[in-house]
PDB file of N, CA and C in Angstrom:
ATOM      1  N   UNK A   1       0.435   6.556  16.937  1.00  0.00           N
ATOM      2  CA  UNK A   1       0.177   5.120  16.091  1.00  0.00           C
ATOM      3  C   UNK A   1      -0.125   4.338  17.358  1.00  0.00           C
ATOM      4  N   UNK A   2       0.584   4.290  18.628  1.00  0.00           N
ATOM      5  CA  UNK A   2       0.571   3.485  19.698  1.00  0.00           C
ATOM      6  C   UNK A   2      -0.430   3.542  20.150  1.00  0.00           C
ATOM      7  N   UNK A   3      -1.367   4.488  20.635  1.00  0.00           N
ATOM      8  CA  UNK A   3      -2.521   4.515  20.998  1.00  0.00           C
ATOM      9  C   UNK A   3      -3.743   3.205  20.166  1.00  0.00           C
ATOM     10  N   UNK A   4      -3.332   3.673  18.837  1.00  0.00           N
ATOM     11  CA  UNK A   4      -4.213   3.147  17.964  1.00  0.00           C
ATOM     12  C   UNK A   4      -3.674   1.533  18.159  1.00  0.00           C
ATOM     13  N   UNK A   5      -2.736   1.287  18.071  1.00  0.00           N
ATOM     14  CA  UNK A   5      -2.288  -0.018  18.431  1.00  0.00           C
ATOM     15  C   UNK A   5      -3.061  -0.924  19.463  1.00  0.00           C
ATOM     16  N   UNK A   6      -2.817  -0.256  20.733  1.00  0.00           N
ATOM     17  CA  UNK A   6      -3.698  -0.588  21.750  1.00  0.00           C
ATOM     18  C   UNK A   6      -5.219  -0.832  21.972  1.00  0.00           C
ATOM     19  N   UNK A   7      -5.598   0.566  20.999  1.00  0.00           N
ATOM     20  CA  UNK A   7      -7.096  -0.235  20.869  1.00  0.00           C
ATOM     21  C   UNK A   7      -7.108  -1.577  20.253  1.00  0.00           C
ATOM     22  N   UNK A   8      -6.538  -1.508  18.770  1.00  0.00           N
ATOM     23  CA  UNK A   8      -6.546  -2.945  18.075  1.00  0.00           C
ATOM     24  C   UNK A   8      -5.980  -3.877  18.902  1.00  0.00           C
ATOM     25  N   UNK A   9      -5.178  -3.640  19.697  1.00  0.00           N
ATOM     26  CA  UNK A   9      -4.924  -5.045  20.785  1.00  0.00           C
ATOM     27  C   UNK A   9      -6.102  -5.151  21.600  1.00  0.00           C
ATOM     28  N   UNK A  10      -6.868  -4.176  22.267  1.00  0.00           N
ATOM     29  CA  UNK A  10      -7.739  -4.785  23.156  1.00  0.00           C
ATOM     30  C   UNK A  10      -8.805  -5.256  22.304  1.00  0.00           C
ATOM     31  N   UNK A  11      -9.053  -5.004  21.323  1.00  0.00           N
ATOM     32  CA  UNK A  11     -10.140  -5.556  20.204  1.00  0.00           C
ATOM     33  C   UNK A  11      -9.483  -7.046  20.112  1.00  0.00           C
ATOM     34  N   UNK A  12      -8.489  -7.135  19.730  1.00  0.00           N
ATOM     35  CA  UNK A  12      -7.813  -8.525  19.329  1.00  0.00           C
ATOM     36  C   UNK A  12      -8.326  -9.420  20.878  1.00  0.00           C
ATOM     37  N   UNK A  13      -7.687  -8.848  21.924  1.00  0.00           N
ATOM     38  CA  UNK A  13      -8.397 -10.021  23.294  1.00  0.00           C
ATOM     39  C   UNK A  13      -9.830 -10.163  23.098  1.00  0.00           C
ATOM     40  N   UNK A  14     -10.652  -9.067  22.846  1.00  0.00           N
ATOM     41  CA  UNK A  14     -12.136  -9.660  22.958  1.00  0.00           C
ATOM     42  C   UNK A  14     -12.116 -10.639  21.751  1.00  0.00           C
ATOM     43  N   UNK A  15     -11.796 -10.459  20.566  1.00  0.00           N
ATOM     44  CA  UNK A  15     -11.709 -11.394  19.740  1.00  0.00           C
ATOM     45  C   UNK A  15     -11.422 -12.885  19.819  1.00  0.00           C
ATOM     46  N   UNK A  16      -9.911 -12.959  20.322  1.00  0.00           N
ATOM     47  CA  UNK A  16      -9.959 -14.022  20.787  1.00  0.00           C
ATOM     48  C   UNK A  16     -10.444 -14.744  21.827  1.00  0.00           C
ATOM     49  N   UNK A  17     -11.064 -14.304  22.565  1.00  0.00           N
ATOM     50  CA  UNK A  17     -12.167 -14.802  23.562  1.00  0.00           C
ATOM     51  C   UNK A  17     -13.239 -15.306  22.930  1.00  0.00           C
ATOM     52  N   UNK A  18     -13.658 -14.615  22.429  1.00  0.00           N
ATOM     53  CA  UNK A  18     -15.166 -14.705  21.218  1.00  0.00           C
ATOM     54  C   UNK A  18     -14.509 -16.292  20.574  1.00  0.00           C
ATOM     55  N   UNK A  19     -13.131 -16.025  19.779  1.00  0.00           N
ATOM     56  CA  UNK A  19     -12.804 -17.343  18.751  1.00  0.00           C
ATOM     57  C   UNK A  19     -12.669 -18.181  19.623  1.00  0.00           C
ATOM     58  N   UNK A  20     -12.538 -18.774  20.595  1.00  0.00           N
ATOM     59  CA  UNK A  20     -12.116 -19.821  21.629  1.00  0.00           C
ATOM     60  C   UNK A  20     -13.633 -20.449  22.019  1.00  0.00           C
ATOM     61  N   UNK A  21     -14.065 -19.252  22.598  1.00  0.00           N
ATOM     62  CA  UNK A  21     -15.318 -19.887  23.573  1.00  0.00           C
ATOM     63  C   UNK A  21     -16.197 -20.170  22.600  1.00  0.00           C
ATOM     64  N   UNK A  22     -16.532 -19.667  21.229  1.00  0.00           N
ATOM     65  CA  UNK A  22     -17.359 -20.309  20.106  1.00  0.00           C
ATOM     66  C   UNK A  22     -16.912 -21.877  19.830  1.00  0.00           C
ATOM     67  N   UNK A  23     -15.571 -21.748  19.597  1.00  0.00           N
ATOM     68  CA  UNK A  23     -14.761 -22.868  19.033  1.00  0.00           C
ATOM     69  C   UNK A  23     -14.944 -24.416  20.042  1.00  0.00           C
ATOM     70  N   UNK A  24     -14.829 -24.021  21.589  1.00  0.00           N
ATOM     71  CA  UNK A  24     -15.174 -25.160  22.346  1.00  0.00           C
ATOM     72  C   UNK A  24     -16.529 -25.067  22.614  1.00  0.00           C
ATOM     73  N   UNK A  25     -17.345 -24.410  22.317  1.00  0.00           N
ATOM     74  CA  UNK A  25     -19.099 -24.959  22.328  1.00  0.00           C
ATOM     75  C   UNK A  25     -19.423 -25.291  21.207  1.00  0.00           C
ATOM     76  N   UNK A  26     -18.678 -24.877  20.222  1.00  0.00           N
ATOM     77  CA  UNK A  26     -19.167 -25.698  19.020  1.00  0.00           C
ATOM     78  C   UNK A  26     -18.605 -27.086  18.778  1.00  0.00           C
ATOM     79  N   UNK A  27     -17.335 -27.438  19.191  1.00  0.00           N
ATOM     80  CA  UNK A  27     -17.165 -28.643  19.097  1.00  0.00           C
ATOM     81  C   UNK A  27     -17.627 -29.971  19.924  1.00  0.00           C
ATOM     82  N   UNK A  28     -18.337 -29.362  20.896  1.00  0.00           N
ATOM     83  CA  UNK A  28     -19.328 -30.100  21.589  1.00  0.00           C
ATOM     84  C   UNK A  28     -20.467 -30.756  20.540  1.00  0.00           C
ATOM     85  N   UNK A  29     -20.653 -30.079  19.585  1.00  0.00           N
ATOM     86  CA  UNK A  29     -21.386 -30.835  18.659  1.00  0.00           C
ATOM     87  C   UNK A  29     -20.794 -31.240  16.998  1.00  0.00           C
ATOM     88  N   UNK A  30     -19.866 -30.710  17.016  1.00  0.00           N
ATOM     89  CA  UNK A  30     -19.195 -31.057  15.376  1.00  0.00           C
ATOM     90  C   UNK A  30     -17.900 -31.016  15.365  1.00  0.00           C
ATOM     91  N   UNK A  31     -17.421 -31.284  14.319  1.00  0.00           N
ATOM     92  CA  UNK A  31     -15.871 -31.365  13.944  1.00  0.00           C
ATOM     93  C   UNK A  31     -15.053 -30.221  14.700  1.00  0.00           C
ATOM     94  N   UNK A  32     -13.665 -30.277  14.903  1.00  0.00           N
ATOM     95  CA  UNK A  32     -13.033 -29.353  15.364  1.00  0.00           C
ATOM     96  C   UNK A  32     -12.996 -28.148  14.382  1.00  0.00           C
ATOM     97  N   UNK A  33     -12.492 -28.554  12.869  1.00  0.00           N
ATOM     98  CA  UNK A  33     -12.437 -28.084  11.360  1.00  0.00           C
ATOM     99  C   UNK A  33     -13.786 -27.497  11.443  1.00  0.00           C
ATOM    100  N   UNK A  34     -14.580 -27.835  11.396  1.00  0.00           N
ATOM    101  CA  UNK A  34     -16.044 -27.216  11.188  1.00  0.00           C
ATOM    102  C   UNK A  34     -16.129 -26.031  12.499  1.00  0.00           C
ATOM    103  N   UNK A  35     -15.705 -26.339  13.444  1.00  0.00           N
ATOM    104  CA  UNK A  35     -15.633 -25.441  15.068  1.00  0.00           C
ATOM    105  C   UNK A  35     -15.010 -24.421  14.427  1.00  0.00           C
ATOM    106  N   UNK A  36     -13.676 -24.542  14.181  1.00  0.00           N
ATOM    107  CA  UNK A  36     -13.044 -23.636  13.871  1.00  0.00           C
ATOM    108  C   UNK A  36     -13.139 -22.722  13.041  1.00  0.00           C
ATOM    109  N   UNK A  37     -13.704 -23.096  11.626  1.00  0.00           N
ATOM    110  CA  UNK A  37     -13.781 -22.399  10.579  1.00  0.00           C
ATOM    111  C   UNK A  37     -15.097 -21.144  11.187  1.00  0.00           C
ATOM    112  N   UNK A  38     -16.074 -21.894  11.983  1.00  0.00           N
ATOM    113  CA  UNK A  38     -17.210 -20.745  12.159  1.00  0.00           C
ATOM    114  C   UNK A  38     -16.753 -19.992  13.419  1.00  0.00           C
ATOM    115  N   UNK A  39     -16.242 -20.604  14.378  1.00  0.00           N
ATOM    116  CA  UNK A  39     -15.359 -19.890  15.185  1.00  0.00           C
ATOM    117  C   UNK A  39     -14.491 -18.588  14.719  1.00  0.00           C
ATOM    118  N   UNK A  40     -14.205 -18.971  14.068  1.00  0.00           N
ATOM    119  CA  UNK A  40     -13.248 -17.695  12.915  1.00  0.00           C
ATOM    120  C   UNK A  40     -13.917 -16.753  12.482  1.00  0.00           C
ATOM    121  N   UNK A  41     -15.057 -17.242  11.279  1.00  0.00           N
ATOM    122  CA  UNK A  41     -15.960 -16.359  11.297  1.00  0.00           C
ATOM    123  C   UNK A  41     -16.323 -15.691  12.028  1.00  0.00           C
ATOM    124  N   UNK A  42     -16.895 -15.953  13.221  1.00  0.00           N
ATOM    125  CA  UNK A  42     -17.598 -15.030  14.156  1.00  0.00           C
ATOM    126  C   UNK A  42     -16.799 -13.878  14.565  1.00  0.00           C
ATOM    127  N   UNK A  43     -15.698 -14.568  15.137  1.00  0.00           N
ATOM    128  CA  UNK A  43     -14.677 -13.608  15.688  1.00  0.00           C
ATOM    129  C   UNK A  43     -14.285 -12.574  14.954  1.00  0.00           C
ATOM    130  N   UNK A  44     -13.769 -13.036  13.757  1.00  0.00           N
ATOM    131  CA  UNK A  44     -13.312 -11.782  12.730  1.00  0.00           C
ATOM    132  C   UNK A  44     -14.602 -11.031  12.214  1.00  0.00           C
ATOM    133  N   UNK A  45     -15.875 -11.408  12.343  1.00  0.00           N
ATOM    134  CA  UNK A  45     -16.595 -10.462  12.034  1.00  0.00           C
ATOM    135  C   UNK A  45     -16.850  -9.574  12.925  1.00  0.00           C
ATOM    136  N   UNK A  46     -16.758  -9.956  14.419  1.00  0.00           N
ATOM    137  CA  UNK A  46     -16.837  -8.878  15.463  1.00  0.00           C
ATOM    138  C   UNK A  46     -15.695  -8.052  15.235  1.00  0.00           C
ATOM    139  N   UNK A  47     -14.379  -8.414  14.970  1.00  0.00           N
ATOM    140  CA  UNK A  47     -13.165  -7.783  15.036  1.00  0.00           C
ATOM    141  C   UNK A  47     -13.133  -6.368  13.747  1.00  0.00           C
ATOM    142  N   UNK A  48     -13.852  -7.172  12.649  1.00  0.00           N
ATOM    143  CA  UNK A  48     -14.098  -6.034  11.608  1.00  0.00           C
ATOM    144  C   UNK A  48     -14.959  -5.096  11.669  1.00  0.00           C
ATOM    145  N   UNK A  49     -16.147  -5.095  12.695  1.00  0.00           N
ATOM    146  CA  UNK A  49     -16.858  -3.936  12.839  1.00  0.00           C
ATOM    147  C   UNK A  49     -16.734  -3.336  13.971  1.00  0.00           C
ATOM    148  N   UNK A  50     -15.991  -3.804  15.006  1.00  0.00           N
ATOM    149  CA  UNK A  50     -15.606  -3.118  16.229  1.00  0.00           C
ATOM    150  C   UNK A  50     -14.191  -2.265  15.397  1.00  0.00           C
ATOM    151  N   UNK A  51     -13.326  -2.794  15.143  1.00  0.00           N
ATOM    152  CA  UNK A  51     -12.417  -1.868  14.425  1.00  0.00           C
ATOM    153  C   UNK A  51     -12.675  -0.886  13.617  1.00  0.00           C
ATOM    154  N   UNK A  52     -13.749  -0.848  12.862  1.00  0.00           N
ATOM    155  CA  UNK A  52     -14.220  -0.077  12.152  1.00  0.00           C
ATOM    156  C   UNK A  52     -14.865   0.833  12.756  1.00  0.00           C
ATOM    157  N   UNK A  53     -15.400   1.054  13.377  1.00  0.00           N
ATOM    158  CA  UNK A  53     -16.015   2.063  14.244  1.00  0.00           C
ATOM    159  C   UNK A  53     -15.153   2.186  15.324  1.00  0.00           C
ATOM    160  N   UNK A  54     -14.586   1.499  16.027  1.00  0.00           N
ATOM    161  CA  UNK A  54     -13.854   1.832  17.651  1.00  0.00           C
ATOM    162  C   UNK A  54     -12.108   2.363  16.982  1.00  0.00           C
ATOM    163  N   UNK A  55     -11.593   1.790  16.550  1.00  0.00           N
ATOM    164  CA  UNK A  55     -10.496   1.635  16.152  1.00  0.00           C
ATOM    165  C   UNK A  55      -9.951   2.805  15.233  1.00  0.00           C
ATOM    166  N   UNK A  56     -10.451   2.775  14.029  1.00  0.00           N
ATOM    167  CA  UNK A  56     -10.130   3.523  12.733  1.00  0.00           C
ATOM    168  C   UNK A  56     -11.087   4.378  12.568  1.00  0.00           C
ATOM    169  N   UNK A  57     -12.441   4.449  13.001  1.00  0.00           N
ATOM    170  CA  UNK A  57     -13.270   5.463  12.836  1.00  0.00           C
ATOM    171  C   UNK A  57     -13.661   5.600  11.469  1.00  0.00           C
ATOM    172  N   UNK A  58     -13.805   4.442  10.731  1.00  0.00           N
ATOM    173  CA  UNK A  58     -13.619   4.201   9.377  1.00  0.00           C
ATOM    174  C   UNK A  58     -15.425   3.707   8.938  1.00  0.00           C
ATOM    175  N   UNK A  59     -15.765   4.002   7.735  1.00  0.00           N
ATOM    176  CA  UNK A  59     -17.100   3.486   7.224  1.00  0.00           C
ATOM    177  C   UNK A  59     -17.172   2.007   6.894  1.00  0.00           C
ATOM    178  N   UNK A  60     -18.026   1.347   7.080  1.00  0.00           N
ATOM    179  CA  UNK A  60     -18.194   0.085   6.734  1.00  0.00           C
ATOM    180  C   UNK A  60     -18.513  -0.604   5.234  1.00  0.00           C
ATOM    181  N   UNK A  61     -17.650  -1.431   4.583  1.00  0.00           N
ATOM    182  CA  UNK A  61     -18.293  -1.724   3.314  1.00  0.00           C
ATOM    183  C   UNK A  61     -18.437  -3.387   3.103  1.00  0.00           C
ATOM    184  N   UNK A  62     -18.915  -3.338   2.239  1.00  0.00           N
ATOM    185  CA  UNK A  62     -18.642  -5.383   1.967  1.00  0.00           C
ATOM    186  C   UNK A  62     -17.311  -5.607   1.339  1.00  0.00           C
ATOM    187  N   UNK A  63     -16.683  -4.305   0.361  1.00  0.00           N
ATOM    188  CA  UNK A  63     -15.532  -4.450  -0.271  1.00  0.00           C
ATOM    189  C   UNK A  63     -14.369  -4.694   1.117  1.00  0.00           C
ATOM    190  N   UNK A  64     -14.020  -3.425   2.233  1.00  0.00           N
ATOM    191  CA  UNK A  64     -13.407  -3.725   2.942  1.00  0.00           C
ATOM    192  C   UNK A  64     -13.467  -5.016   4.227  1.00  0.00           C
ATOM    193  N   UNK A  65     -14.959  -5.717   4.080  1.00  0.00           N
ATOM    194  CA  UNK A  65     -15.212  -6.741   5.062  1.00  0.00           C
ATOM    195  C   UNK A  65     -14.443  -7.624   4.419  1.00  0.00           C
ATOM    196  N   UNK A  66     -14.573  -7.981   2.858  1.00  0.00           N
ATOM    197  CA  UNK A  66     -14.185  -9.157   2.089  1.00  0.00           C
ATOM    198  C   UNK A  66     -12.286  -9.191   2.437  1.00  0.00           C
ATOM    199  N   UNK A  67     -11.976  -8.211   2.237  1.00  0.00           N
ATOM    200  CA  UNK A  67     -10.349  -8.041   2.073  1.00  0.00           C
ATOM    201  C   UNK A  67      -9.738  -8.317   3.423  1.00  0.00           C
ATOM    202  N   UNK A  68     -10.643  -7.979   4.660  1.00  0.00           N
ATOM    203  CA  UNK A  68     -10.080  -8.220   5.654  1.00  0.00           C
ATOM    204  C   UNK A  68     -10.082  -9.517   6.304  1.00  0.00           C
ATOM    205  N   UNK A  69     -11.380 -10.369   5.897  1.00  0.00           N
ATOM    206  CA  UNK A  69     -11.537 -11.774   6.244  1.00  0.00           C
ATOM    207  C   UNK A  69     -10.811 -12.595   5.658  1.00  0.00           C
ATOM    208  N   UNK A  70     -11.006 -12.410   4.020  1.00  0.00           N
ATOM    209  CA  UNK A  70      -9.867 -13.296   3.051  1.00  0.00           C
ATOM    210  C   UNK A  70      -8.127 -12.948   3.891  1.00  0.00           C
ATOM    211  N   UNK A  71      -8.054 -11.823   3.795  1.00  0.00           N
ATOM    212  CA  UNK A  71      -6.583 -11.725   4.466  1.00  0.00           C
ATOM    213  C   UNK A  71      -6.293 -12.515   5.685  1.00  0.00           C
ATOM    214  N   UNK A  72      -7.087 -12.532   6.747  1.00  0.00           N
ATOM    215  CA  UNK A  72      -6.748 -12.957   7.832  1.00  0.00           C
ATOM    216  C   UNK A  72      -6.799 -14.373   7.905  1.00  0.00           C
ATOM    217  N   UNK A  73      -7.876 -14.882   7.173  1.00  0.00           N
ATOM    218  CA  UNK A  73      -8.068 -16.291   6.882  1.00  0.00           C
ATOM    219  C   UNK A  73      -7.018 -17.217   5.919  1.00  0.00           C
ATOM    220  N   UNK A  74      -6.246 -16.130   4.974  1.00  0.00           N
ATOM    221  CA  UNK A  74      -5.197 -16.945   4.328  1.00  0.00           C
ATOM    222  C   UNK A  74      -4.131 -17.009   5.533  1.00  0.00           C
ATOM    223  N   UNK A  75      -3.958 -15.572   6.183  1.00  0.00           N
ATOM    224  CA  UNK A  75      -2.666 -15.924   7.303  1.00  0.00           C
ATOM    225  C   UNK A  75      -2.726 -16.884   8.238  1.00  0.00           C
ATOM    226  N   UNK A  76      -3.997 -17.039   8.675  1.00  0.00           N
ATOM    227  CA  UNK A  76      -4.490 -18.149   9.630  1.00  0.00           C
ATOM    228  C   UNK A  76      -4.172 -19.496   8.866  1.00  0.00           C
ATOM    229  N   UNK A  77      -4.404 -19.893   7.814  1.00  0.00           N
ATOM    230  CA  UNK A  77      -4.034 -21.152   6.954  1.00  0.00           C
ATOM    231  C   UNK A  77      -2.436 -21.189   6.702  1.00  0.00           C
ATOM    232  N   UNK A  78      -2.199 -20.202   6.194  1.00  0.00           N
ATOM    233  CA  UNK A  78      -0.197 -20.085   6.087  1.00  0.00           C
ATOM    234  C   UNK A  78       0.627 -20.488   6.946  1.00  0.00           C
ATOM    235  N   UNK A  79      -0.025 -20.036   8.452  1.00  0.00           N
ATOM    236  CA  UNK A  79       0.447 -20.189   9.441  1.00  0.00           C
ATOM    237  C   UNK A  79       0.296 -21.550   9.650  1.00  0.00           C
ATOM    238  N   UNK A  80      -0.752 -22.089   9.580  1.00  0.00           N
ATOM    239  CA  UNK A  80      -1.159 -23.271  10.079  1.00  0.00           C
ATOM    240  C   UNK A  80      -0.231 -24.272   9.496  1.00  0.00           C
ATOM    241  N   UNK A  81      -0.202 -23.842   8.101  1.00  0.00           N
ATOM    242  CA  UNK A  81       0.403 -25.005   7.520  1.00  0.00           C
ATOM    243  C   UNK A  81       2.102 -25.096   7.665  1.00  0.00           C
ATOM    244  N   UNK A  82       2.452 -23.664   7.763  1.00  0.00           N
ATOM    245  CA  UNK A  82       4.005 -24.068   7.998  1.00  0.00           C
ATOM    246  C   UNK A  82       4.152 -24.726   9.094  1.00  0.00           C
ATOM    247  N   UNK A  83       3.556 -24.794  10.394  1.00  0.00           N
ATOM    248  CA  UNK A  83       3.597 -24.854  11.959  1.00  0.00           C
ATOM    249  C   UNK A  83       3.249 -26.778  11.430  1.00  0.00           C
ATOM    250  N   UNK A  84       2.649 -26.831  10.903  1.00  0.00           N
ATOM    251  CA  UNK A  84       2.527 -28.236  10.340  1.00  0.00           C
ATOM    252  C   UNK A  84       3.265 -29.249   9.848  1.00  0.00           C
ATOM    253  N   UNK A  85       3.879 -28.309   8.673  1.00  0.00           N
ATOM    254  CA  UNK A  85       5.361 -29.335   8.202  1.00  0.00           C
ATOM    255  C   UNK A  85       6.257 -29.161   8.776  1.00  0.00           C
ATOM    256  N   UNK A  86       6.631 -28.180   9.996  1.00  0.00           N
ATOM    257  CA  UNK A  86       7.713 -28.221  10.483  1.00  0.00           C
ATOM    258  C   UNK A  86       7.419 -29.121  12.172  1.00  0.00           C
ATOM    259  N   UNK A  87       6.243 -29.308  12.105  1.00  0.00           N
ATOM    260  CA  UNK A  87       5.515 -30.116  12.891  1.00  0.00           C
ATOM    261  C   UNK A  87       5.949 -29.569  14.421  1.00  0.00           C
ATOM    262  N   UNK A  88       5.238 -28.531  14.860  1.00  0.00           N
ATOM    263  CA  UNK A  88       5.300 -27.373  15.500  1.00  0.00           C
ATOM    264  C   UNK A  88       3.932 -27.853  16.830  1.00  0.00           C
ATOM    265  N   UNK A  89       4.008 -27.673  18.195  1.00  0.00           N
ATOM    266  CA  UNK A  89       3.054 -28.047  19.016  1.00  0.00           C
ATOM    267  C   UNK A  89       1.946 -27.305  18.786  1.00  0.00           C
ATOM    268  N   UNK A  90       0.948 -27.625  18.482  1.00  0.00           N
ATOM    269  CA  UNK A  90      -0.252 -26.902  17.944  1.00  0.00           C
ATOM    270  C   UNK A  90      -0.584 -25.448  18.836  1.00  0.00           C
ATOM    271  N   UNK A  91      -0.617 -25.548  20.571  1.00  0.00           N
ATOM    272  CA  UNK A  91      -0.795 -24.783  21.113  1.00  0.00           C
ATOM    273  C   UNK A  91       0.379 -23.557  20.744  1.00  0.00           C
ATOM    274  N   UNK A  92       1.682 -23.902  20.442  1.00  0.00           N
ATOM    275  CA  UNK A  92       2.585 -22.814  19.637  1.00  0.00           C
ATOM    276  C   UNK A  92       2.035 -22.452  18.165  1.00  0.00           C
ATOM    277  N   UNK A  93       1.297 -23.187  17.637  1.00  0.00           N
ATOM    278  CA  UNK A  93       0.769 -22.611  16.696  1.00  0.00           C
ATOM    279  C   UNK A  93       0.126 -21.783  16.794  1.00  0.00           C
ATOM    280  N   UNK A  94      -0.890 -21.600  17.928  1.00  0.00           N
ATOM    281  CA  UNK A  94      -2.172 -20.393  18.434  1.00  0.00           C
ATOM    282  C   UNK A  94      -1.398 -19.388  18.535  1.00  0.00           C
ATOM    283  N   UNK A  95      -0.484 -19.374  19.741  1.00  0.00           N
ATOM    284  CA  UNK A  95       0.143 -18.599  20.298  1.00  0.00           C
ATOM    285  C   UNK A  95       1.203 -17.567  18.829  1.00  0.00           C
ATOM    286  N   UNK A  96       1.419 -18.519  18.100  1.00  0.00           N
ATOM    287  CA  UNK A  96       2.149 -17.859  16.702  1.00  0.00           C
ATOM    288  C   UNK A  96       1.103 -16.996  15.849  1.00  0.00           C
ATOM    289  N   UNK A  97       0.509 -17.951  15.958  1.00  0.00           N
ATOM    290  CA  UNK A  97      -0.831 -17.116  14.842  1.00  0.00           C
ATOM    291  C   UNK A  97      -0.922 -15.484  15.563  1.00  0.00           C
ATOM    292  N   UNK A  98      -1.355 -15.769  17.142  1.00  0.00           N
ATOM    293  CA  UNK A  98      -2.171 -14.508  17.705  1.00  0.00           C
ATOM    294  C   UNK A  98      -1.061 -13.549  17.743  1.00  0.00           C
ATOM    295  N   UNK A  99       0.297 -13.879  17.472  1.00  0.00           N
ATOM    296  CA  UNK A  99       1.217 -12.749  18.031  1.00  0.00           C
ATOM    297  C   UNK A  99       1.455 -12.081  16.400  1.00  0.00           C
ATOM    298  N   UNK A 100       1.554 -12.830  15.291  1.00  0.00           N
ATOM    299  CA  UNK A 100       1.696 -12.553  13.890  1.00  0.00           C
ATOM    300  C   UNK A 100       0.512 -11.902  13.312  1.00  0.00           C
ATOM    301  N   UNK A 101      -0.551 -12.296  13.467  1.00  0.00           N
ATOM    302  CA  UNK A 101      -1.950 -11.720  13.586  1.00  0.00           C
ATOM    303  C   UNK A 101      -1.793 -10.285  13.984  1.00  0.00           C
ATOM    304  N   UNK A 102      -1.395 -10.226  15.297  1.00  0.00           N
ATOM    305  CA  UNK A 102      -1.703  -8.937  16.314  1.00  0.00           C
ATOM    306  C   UNK A 102      -0.961  -7.730  15.139  1.00  0.00           C
ATOM    307  N   UNK A 103       0.091  -7.986  14.710  1.00  0.00           N
ATOM    308  CA  UNK A 103       1.071  -7.306  14.353  1.00  0.00           C
ATOM    309  C   UNK A 103       0.879  -7.087  12.671  1.00  0.00           C
ATOM    310  N   UNK A 104       0.739  -8.063  12.021  1.00  0.00           N
ATOM    311  CA  UNK A 104       0.385  -8.161  10.605  1.00  0.00           C
ATOM    312  C   UNK A 104      -1.143  -7.280  10.328  1.00  0.00           C
ATOM    313  N   UNK A 105      -1.986  -8.240  11.358  1.00  0.00           N
ATOM    314  CA  UNK A 105      -3.508  -7.672  11.132  1.00  0.00           C
ATOM    315  C   UNK A 105      -3.322  -6.216  11.204  1.00  0.00           C
ATOM    316  N   UNK A 106      -2.545  -5.356  12.336  1.00  0.00           N
ATOM    317  CA  UNK A 106      -3.021  -4.019  12.319  1.00  0.00           C
ATOM    318  C   UNK A 106      -2.357  -3.050  10.972  1.00  0.00           C
ATOM    319  N   UNK A 107      -1.413  -3.382  10.998  1.00  0.00           N
ATOM    320  CA  UNK A 107      -0.313  -2.810   9.692  1.00  0.00           C
ATOM    321  C   UNK A 107      -1.271  -2.785   8.443  1.00  0.00           C
ATOM    322  N   UNK A 108      -1.888  -4.032   8.356  1.00  0.00           N
ATOM    323  CA  UNK A 108      -3.071  -4.185   7.352  1.00  0.00           C
ATOM    324  C   UNK A 108      -3.971  -3.688   7.166  1.00  0.00           C
ATOM    325  N   UNK A 109      -4.664  -3.507   8.565  1.00  0.00           N
ATOM    326  CA  UNK A 109      -5.865  -2.580   8.427  1.00  0.00           C
ATOM    327  C   UNK A 109      -5.521  -1.213   8.770  1.00  0.00           C
ATOM    328  N   UNK A 110      -4.231  -0.571   9.112  1.00  0.00           N
ATOM    329  CA  UNK A 110      -4.244   0.749   9.063  1.00  0.00           C
ATOM    330  C   UNK A 110      -4.188   1.207   7.729  1.00  0.00           C
ATOM    331  N   UNK A 111      -3.109   0.635   6.907  1.00  0.00           N
ATOM    332  CA  UNK A 111      -2.792   0.848   5.486  1.00  0.00           C
ATOM    333  C   UNK A 111      -3.387   0.488   4.536  1.00  0.00           C
ATOM    334  N   UNK A 112      -4.323  -0.834   4.354  1.00  0.00           N
ATOM    335  CA  UNK A 112      -5.031  -1.237   3.356  1.00  0.00           C
ATOM    336  C   UNK A 112      -6.540  -1.005   3.405  1.00  0.00           C
ATOM    337  N   UNK A 113      -7.218  -1.697   4.646  1.00  0.00           N
ATOM    338  CA  UNK A 113      -8.391  -1.904   4.990  1.00  0.00           C
ATOM    339  C   UNK A 113      -9.241  -0.398   5.498  1.00  0.00           C
ATOM    340  N   UNK A 114      -8.557  -0.121   6.520  1.00  0.00           N
ATOM    341  CA  UNK A 114      -9.446   1.558   6.675  1.00  0.00           C
ATOM    342  C   UNK A 114      -8.788   2.712   6.628  1.00  0.00           C
ATOM    343  N   UNK A 115      -7.512   2.266   5.331  1.00  0.00           N
ATOM    344  CA  UNK A 115      -7.245   3.860   5.029  1.00  0.00           C
ATOM    345  C   UNK A 115      -7.980   4.697   4.477  1.00  0.00           C
ATOM    346  N   UNK A 116      -8.222   6.027   4.943  1.00  0.00           N
ATOM    347  CA  UNK A 116      -9.096   6.887   4.368  1.00  0.00           C
ATOM    348  C   UNK A 116      -8.600   7.576   3.344  1.00  0.00           C
TER     349      UNK A 116
END
């Protein structure tokens, strides 16, 4: 299971780079909110397809894609709202989400999304 987690984490590093790069490029032309939604969508789509084939060696389906994207989107929103309510520095929010989504996202992917 540790080897599987390392594969998932390596995809997560690339996913984070895609998200941040997309965000900063888009933010030159559109608002932060819209930039973040689009960047998240690009990154989570990449992550889904790579994790499906590379990490979990599983078939791709619309159902799996939707439960993956919706779950991670809700997780991002909830962590952001909690951080906003307790006045956490935005950088710490980003770090917290990255850590929480890595662990919870892995378990959710392994036992729900890509369960065979």
